[in-house]
Protein backbone atom coordinates (compact mmCIF):
# COMPACT_ATOMS: atom_id res chain seq x y z
CA MET A 1 0.00 0.00 0.00
CA GLY A 2 2.92 2.33 0.61
CA THR A 3 3.99 2.14 -3.04
CA ALA A 4 0.46 2.10 -4.51
CA HIS A 5 -0.18 4.56 -7.35
CA ASP A 6 -3.90 3.90 -7.80
CA THR A 7 -6.92 2.56 -5.94
CA ASN A 8 -6.61 -0.96 -7.36
CA TRP A 9 -3.24 -1.49 -5.69
CA LEU A 10 -4.59 -0.09 -2.43
CA ILE A 11 -7.46 -2.60 -2.59
CA PHE A 12 -4.99 -5.40 -3.34
CA GLY A 13 -2.80 -4.42 -0.38
CA ARG A 14 -5.84 -4.14 1.85
CA ALA A 15 -6.92 -7.65 0.81
CA ILE A 16 -3.50 -9.05 1.76
CA SER A 17 -3.63 -7.35 5.16
CA GLY A 18 -7.12 -8.81 5.63
CA LEU A 19 -5.78 -12.31 5.00
CA ALA A 20 -2.98 -11.64 7.49
CA ALA A 21 -5.53 -10.55 10.09
CA GLY A 22 -6.94 -14.08 9.99
CA THR A 23 -3.86 -15.28 11.88
CA TRP A 24 -5.38 -13.61 14.97
CA VAL A 25 -7.23 -16.93 15.34
CA ILE A 26 -3.95 -18.81 15.80
CA VAL A 27 -2.51 -16.14 18.09
CA VAL A 28 -5.46 -16.37 20.50
CA VAL A 29 -5.50 -20.17 20.56
CA SER A 30 -1.70 -20.49 20.91
CA PHE A 31 -1.63 -18.02 23.79
CA SER A 32 -4.60 -19.74 25.48
CA ASN A 33 -2.71 -23.06 25.40
CA PHE A 34 -0.32 -21.67 28.02
CA PHE A 35 -3.24 -21.48 30.49
CA PRO A 36 -5.43 -24.19 32.05
CA PRO A 37 -8.74 -24.69 30.17
CA GLU A 38 -10.73 -23.02 32.95
CA GLN A 39 -8.66 -19.85 32.49
CA ALA A 40 -9.42 -19.46 28.77
CA VAL A 41 -11.33 -16.22 29.41
CA LYS A 42 -8.42 -14.74 31.35
CA ALA A 43 -6.03 -15.70 28.53
CA THR A 44 -8.16 -14.09 25.82
CA ALA A 45 -8.57 -10.96 27.94
CA ILE A 46 -4.80 -10.62 28.35
CA VAL A 47 -4.02 -11.23 24.68
CA THR A 48 -6.70 -8.70 23.63
CA ILE A 49 -4.95 -5.92 25.57
CA VAL A 50 -1.79 -6.16 23.45
CA PRO A 51 -3.22 -5.14 20.03
CA THR A 52 -5.08 -2.34 21.80
CA LEU A 53 -1.74 -0.91 22.89
CA GLY A 54 -0.49 -1.23 19.29
CA ARG A 55 -3.52 0.61 17.92
CA LEU A 56 -3.11 3.34 20.52
CA ALA A 57 0.55 3.81 19.61
CA GLY A 58 -0.36 3.89 15.93
CA SER A 59 -3.09 6.48 16.43
CA PHE A 60 -0.63 8.79 18.19
CA LEU A 61 2.27 8.25 15.76
CA ILE A 62 0.50 8.33 12.40
CA GLY A 63 0.05 12.11 12.31
CA TRP A 64 3.71 12.70 13.15
CA LEU A 65 4.82 10.13 10.55
CA ASN A 66 2.59 11.68 7.88
CA ASN A 67 4.11 15.10 8.54
CA LEU A 68 7.62 13.63 8.54
CA GLY A 69 7.52 11.62 5.31
CA GLY A 70 4.02 11.60 3.84
CA TYR A 71 1.36 8.90 3.95
CA ALA A 72 3.68 6.22 2.56
CA LEU A 73 6.03 6.40 5.55
CA SER A 74 3.40 4.94 7.91
CA PHE A 75 3.09 1.89 5.66
CA TYR A 76 6.88 1.43 5.52
CA VAL A 77 7.16 1.66 9.32
CA SER A 78 4.35 -0.90 9.64
CA THR A 79 6.25 -3.19 7.27
CA GLY A 80 9.28 -2.88 9.53
CA PHE A 81 7.25 -3.83 12.58
CA ALA A 82 5.83 -6.82 10.69
CA GLY A 83 9.40 -7.94 9.98
CA LEU A 84 10.25 -7.56 13.67
CA ALA A 85 7.19 -9.63 14.57
CA PHE A 86 8.39 -12.33 12.16
CA LEU A 87 11.79 -12.51 13.89
CA ILE A 88 10.18 -12.70 17.34
CA LEU A 89 7.84 -15.45 16.13
CA MET A 90 10.80 -17.52 14.93
CA MET A 91 12.15 -17.52 18.51
CA THR A 92 8.83 -18.43 20.12
CA GLY A 93 8.12 -21.97 21.28
CA GLU A 94 4.96 -23.80 20.47
CA ILE A 95 2.94 -26.44 22.32
CA LYS A 96 2.22 -29.01 19.62
CA HIS A 97 -0.75 -31.36 19.57
CA PRO A 98 -1.54 -34.33 17.31
CA PRO A 99 -2.82 -32.97 13.98
CA GLN A 100 -6.43 -33.60 13.05
CA ALA A 101 -7.58 -33.04 9.48
CA PRO A 102 -10.82 -31.01 9.41
CA THR A 103 -13.87 -32.54 7.73
CA PHE A 104 -17.23 -31.03 6.86
CA GLN A 105 -18.85 -33.43 9.31
CA ASN A 106 -16.61 -32.36 12.20
CA ILE A 107 -17.03 -28.69 11.34
CA GLY A 108 -20.80 -29.15 11.21
CA LYS A 109 -20.83 -30.78 14.66
CA LEU A 110 -18.55 -28.09 16.06
CA ILE A 111 -20.48 -25.13 14.73
CA SER A 112 -23.77 -26.51 16.06
CA ARG A 113 -22.46 -26.73 19.62
CA ARG A 114 -24.20 -24.30 21.96
CA GLU A 115 -20.86 -23.44 23.62
CA LEU A 116 -19.69 -22.00 20.29
CA LEU A 117 -22.92 -20.80 18.69
CA VAL A 118 -24.19 -18.57 21.53
CA PRO A 119 -20.90 -16.67 22.09
CA SER A 120 -20.66 -16.18 18.31
CA PHE A 121 -24.16 -14.67 18.32
CA LEU A 122 -23.14 -12.30 21.13
CA ASN A 123 -20.02 -11.19 19.30
CA VAL A 124 -22.11 -10.59 16.17
CA ILE A 125 -23.82 -7.91 18.26
CA GLY A 126 -20.47 -6.60 19.47
CA GLN A 127 -19.06 -6.30 15.94
CA TYR A 128 -22.28 -4.68 14.77
CA VAL A 129 -21.72 -2.03 17.43
CA VAL A 130 -18.03 -1.51 16.66
CA VAL A 131 -18.28 -1.27 12.88
CA GLY A 132 -21.75 0.27 12.65
CA ALA A 133 -21.36 2.88 15.38
CA VAL A 134 -17.73 3.42 16.40
CA PHE A 135 -16.24 3.28 12.88
CA GLY A 136 -19.43 4.17 11.01
CA PHE A 137 -22.01 6.65 12.21
CA ILE A 138 -20.44 8.10 15.35
CA PRO A 139 -17.93 10.15 13.29
CA ILE A 140 -20.81 11.28 11.04
CA LEU A 141 -22.91 12.34 14.02
CA ALA A 142 -19.89 14.04 15.60
CA GLU A 143 -19.28 16.07 12.43
CA ASP A 144 -22.95 17.10 12.40
CA LEU A 145 -22.44 18.41 15.95
CA GLY A 146 -19.38 20.42 14.92
CA ALA A 147 -16.41 18.06 15.40
CA GLY A 148 -13.23 18.86 13.50
CA ASN A 149 -10.29 16.61 12.63
CA ILE A 150 -8.75 16.89 16.11
CA ALA A 151 -12.01 15.96 17.85
CA LEU A 152 -12.53 13.03 15.48
CA GLY A 153 -9.01 11.80 16.22
CA LEU A 154 -9.66 12.08 19.95
CA LEU A 155 -12.86 10.07 19.54
CA GLY A 156 -10.86 7.21 18.08
CA SER A 157 -8.33 7.42 20.92
CA VAL A 158 -11.10 7.39 23.55
CA TYR A 159 -12.50 4.17 22.12
CA ILE A 160 -9.08 2.48 21.97
CA ILE A 161 -8.11 3.50 25.51
CA LEU A 162 -11.43 2.45 27.05
CA HIS A 163 -11.38 -0.81 25.08
CA GLY A 164 -7.97 -1.57 26.55
CA LEU A 165 -9.16 -0.72 30.07
CA GLY A 166 -12.18 -2.97 29.54
CA SER A 167 -9.97 -5.89 28.51
CA LEU A 168 -7.71 -5.23 31.50
CA THR A 169 -10.77 -5.27 33.76
CA ALA A 170 -11.88 -8.60 32.31
CA ALA A 171 -8.42 -10.08 32.92
CA MET A 172 -8.07 -8.73 36.49
CA PHE A 173 -11.55 -9.67 37.74
CA ASN A 174 -12.00 -12.96 35.89
CA GLN A 175 -11.81 -14.97 39.13
CA ARG A 176 -13.84 -12.47 41.15
CA ILE A 177 -16.80 -11.66 38.93
CA THR A 178 -18.73 -14.28 36.97
CA ASN A 179 -18.31 -14.34 33.21
CA GLN A 180 -22.05 -13.96 32.77
CA THR A 181 -22.05 -10.77 34.83
CA MET A 182 -19.20 -9.31 32.79
CA VAL A 183 -20.98 -10.06 29.50
CA ILE A 184 -24.16 -8.43 30.85
CA VAL A 185 -22.19 -5.34 31.87
CA GLY A 186 -20.65 -5.19 28.40
CA VAL A 187 -24.02 -5.50 26.65
CA VAL A 188 -25.62 -2.84 28.85
CA LEU A 189 -22.73 -0.42 28.27
CA MET A 190 -22.90 -0.88 24.48
CA ALA A 191 -26.67 -0.33 24.50
CA ALA A 192 -26.14 2.74 26.71
CA GLY A 193 -23.68 4.08 24.12
CA TYR A 194 -26.37 3.81 21.46
CA GLY A 195 -28.96 5.39 23.75
CA ILE A 196 -26.69 8.35 24.59
CA SER A 197 -25.87 8.79 20.88
CA ALA A 198 -29.60 8.92 20.10
CA ALA A 199 -30.18 11.78 22.55
CA ALA A 200 -26.84 13.64 22.20
CA GLN A 201 -27.08 17.35 21.50
CA SER A 202 -23.41 18.22 22.01
CA LEU A 203 -19.98 16.69 21.43
CA ILE A 204 -19.39 15.96 25.11
CA TRP A 205 -22.17 13.35 25.00
CA ILE A 206 -20.65 11.78 21.90
CA PHE A 207 -17.42 11.30 23.85
CA VAL A 208 -19.41 9.74 26.73
CA ALA A 209 -21.11 7.39 24.26
CA GLN A 210 -17.75 6.49 22.72
CA ALA A 211 -16.41 5.66 26.19
CA CYS A 212 -19.40 3.35 26.75
CA TYR A 213 -18.77 1.59 23.43
CA GLY A 214 -15.08 1.12 24.22
CA LEU A 215 -15.54 -0.10 27.78
CA GLY A 216 -18.48 -2.35 26.91
CA CYS A 217 -16.75 -3.99 23.95
CA GLY A 218 -13.47 -4.21 25.86
CA ILE A 219 -15.10 -6.14 28.71
CA SER A 220 -17.40 -8.40 26.72
CA TYR A 221 -15.30 -9.24 23.64
CA PRO A 222 -12.46 -11.21 25.33
CA VAL A 223 -14.86 -12.89 27.77
CA ILE A 224 -17.13 -14.10 24.98
CA MET A 225 -14.14 -15.17 22.88
CA GLY A 226 -12.74 -17.17 25.80
CA LEU A 227 -16.10 -18.83 26.46
CA CYS A 228 -16.28 -20.08 22.87
CA ILE A 229 -13.16 -22.25 23.32
CA GLU A 230 -13.28 -22.92 27.07
CA LYS A 231 -15.13 -26.23 26.69
CA ILE A 232 -13.71 -27.19 23.28
CA PRO A 233 -11.00 -29.93 23.10
CA VAL A 234 -7.51 -28.49 22.62
CA ASN A 235 -7.01 -30.03 19.18
CA GLU A 236 -10.25 -28.41 17.92
CA ARG A 237 -9.75 -24.94 19.35
CA SER A 238 -8.19 -23.37 16.26
CA THR A 239 -11.10 -24.58 14.14
CA ALA A 240 -13.60 -23.39 16.75
CA MET A 241 -11.99 -19.94 16.98
CA GLY A 242 -11.89 -19.67 13.19
CA LEU A 243 -15.58 -20.53 12.99
CA HIS A 244 -16.33 -18.10 15.81
CA GLN A 245 -14.62 -15.21 14.03
CA THR A 246 -16.19 -16.16 10.70
CA LEU A 247 -19.64 -16.06 12.27
CA TYR A 248 -19.23 -12.81 14.14
CA SER A 249 -17.84 -11.10 11.03
CA ILE A 250 -21.50 -11.07 9.95
CA GLY A 251 -21.98 -8.30 12.49
CA GLY A 252 -19.11 -6.31 11.02
CA PHE A 253 -20.75 -6.49 7.59
CA ALA A 254 -24.30 -5.89 8.78
CA GLY A 255 -23.40 -3.00 11.10
CA PRO A 256 -22.80 -0.24 8.54
CA TRP A 257 -25.18 -1.77 5.98
CA LEU A 258 -28.31 -2.06 8.17
CA SER A 259 -27.44 1.11 10.10
CA GLY A 260 -27.22 2.96 6.79
CA ILE A 261 -30.61 1.66 5.66
CA LEU A 262 -32.20 2.65 8.98
CA ALA A 263 -30.50 6.05 9.08
CA ASN A 264 -31.67 6.77 5.54
CA ALA A 265 -35.23 5.82 6.45
CA ILE A 266 -35.67 7.45 9.89
CA GLY A 267 -32.58 9.60 10.51
CA VAL A 268 -29.21 9.02 12.19
CA GLN A 269 -30.18 9.61 15.82
CA PRO A 270 -33.49 7.69 15.66
CA MET A 271 -31.43 4.83 14.17
CA PHE A 272 -29.23 4.90 17.28
CA GLY A 273 -32.35 4.74 19.47
CA VAL A 274 -33.84 1.72 17.67
CA THR A 275 -30.47 -0.07 17.73
CA ALA A 276 -30.03 0.62 21.48
CA PHE A 277 -33.23 -1.28 22.27
CA THR A 278 -32.44 -4.10 19.81
CA CYS A 279 -28.85 -4.49 21.07
CA LEU A 280 -30.00 -4.68 24.70
CA ALA A 281 -32.84 -7.14 24.05
CA LEU A 282 -30.85 -9.51 21.83
CA GLY A 283 -27.74 -9.27 24.02
CA LEU A 284 -29.56 -10.16 27.24
CA LEU A 285 -31.38 -12.97 25.41
CA GLY A 286 -28.04 -14.36 24.25
CA VAL A 287 -26.59 -14.19 27.77
CA ARG A 288 -29.55 -16.24 28.97
CA PHE A 289 -28.42 -19.16 26.78
CA LEU A 290 -24.69 -19.03 27.53
CA VAL A 291 -23.18 -22.28 28.83
CA ILE A 292 -21.28 -21.16 31.92
CA ASP A 293 -20.15 -23.26 34.88
CA GLU A 294 -21.37 -21.82 38.14
CA ARG A 295 -18.53 -20.88 40.47
CA PRO A 296 -18.48 -18.86 43.67
CA THR A 297 -17.72 -15.16 43.28
CA MET A 298 -14.72 -14.07 45.36
CA LYS A 299 -15.16 -10.94 47.42
CA LEU A 300 -13.01 -7.99 46.47
CA LYS A 301 -10.41 -7.05 49.04
């Protein structure tokens, strides 16, 4: 993308980076293998914090890099970091398990398991929120309320920071607060973000809504992702995580598409109001069907 001279090459580069993003499946599963099965949620919460820090660093550096060497420089620096990641990966050990060739029958059985299907449904809602609101209509609404480039940049930083704090919260309190409670908190916060966006009359409320989106997604996303592999045999976890992320990508596609249709029909802020109610109702319904082992909640000291 750094050397692209037309849109076609940018699309081609973007497609390659999209394929590379699929390796997130293997990263999550490999990292989770260093933890006992019952700590899968804690593992996914920890590993989710790391890319958040990378995004935060990128959001702060990109403006400086653009001023220093133009847009292409950011892509070249990213290429350098990818090379560094490759070298680190070559020095990293791996816990190997007996290989198992995937079959359509095994995939069908796996995808129909409630332990995988319900968390995937919940993360469909989460991705709908992230892509439809955070990266879709929140910037549009903010511009309508007078936001400039600096305010829009700060909005992105607020989401990233709060998302990281949410993931940190999920990791720290995994053994003290039930997973079900954390998912409920995440769903309520995301719905609250939509509700605040629907009623917002000034930029300050857009920032509050953005904080709700970030914290809600940050708490619920790693917990849900951990739950989808917690009860899955080790040698099937990569397949399960791949299926999970394939399913919840539906939300990433539907978010801007359906939000756009609704916004065109009833207006941007009414769209946020309708989605707030839908997100809350479907999210709480999904939580009701989660397969979670009951365990005592430790008191905070």
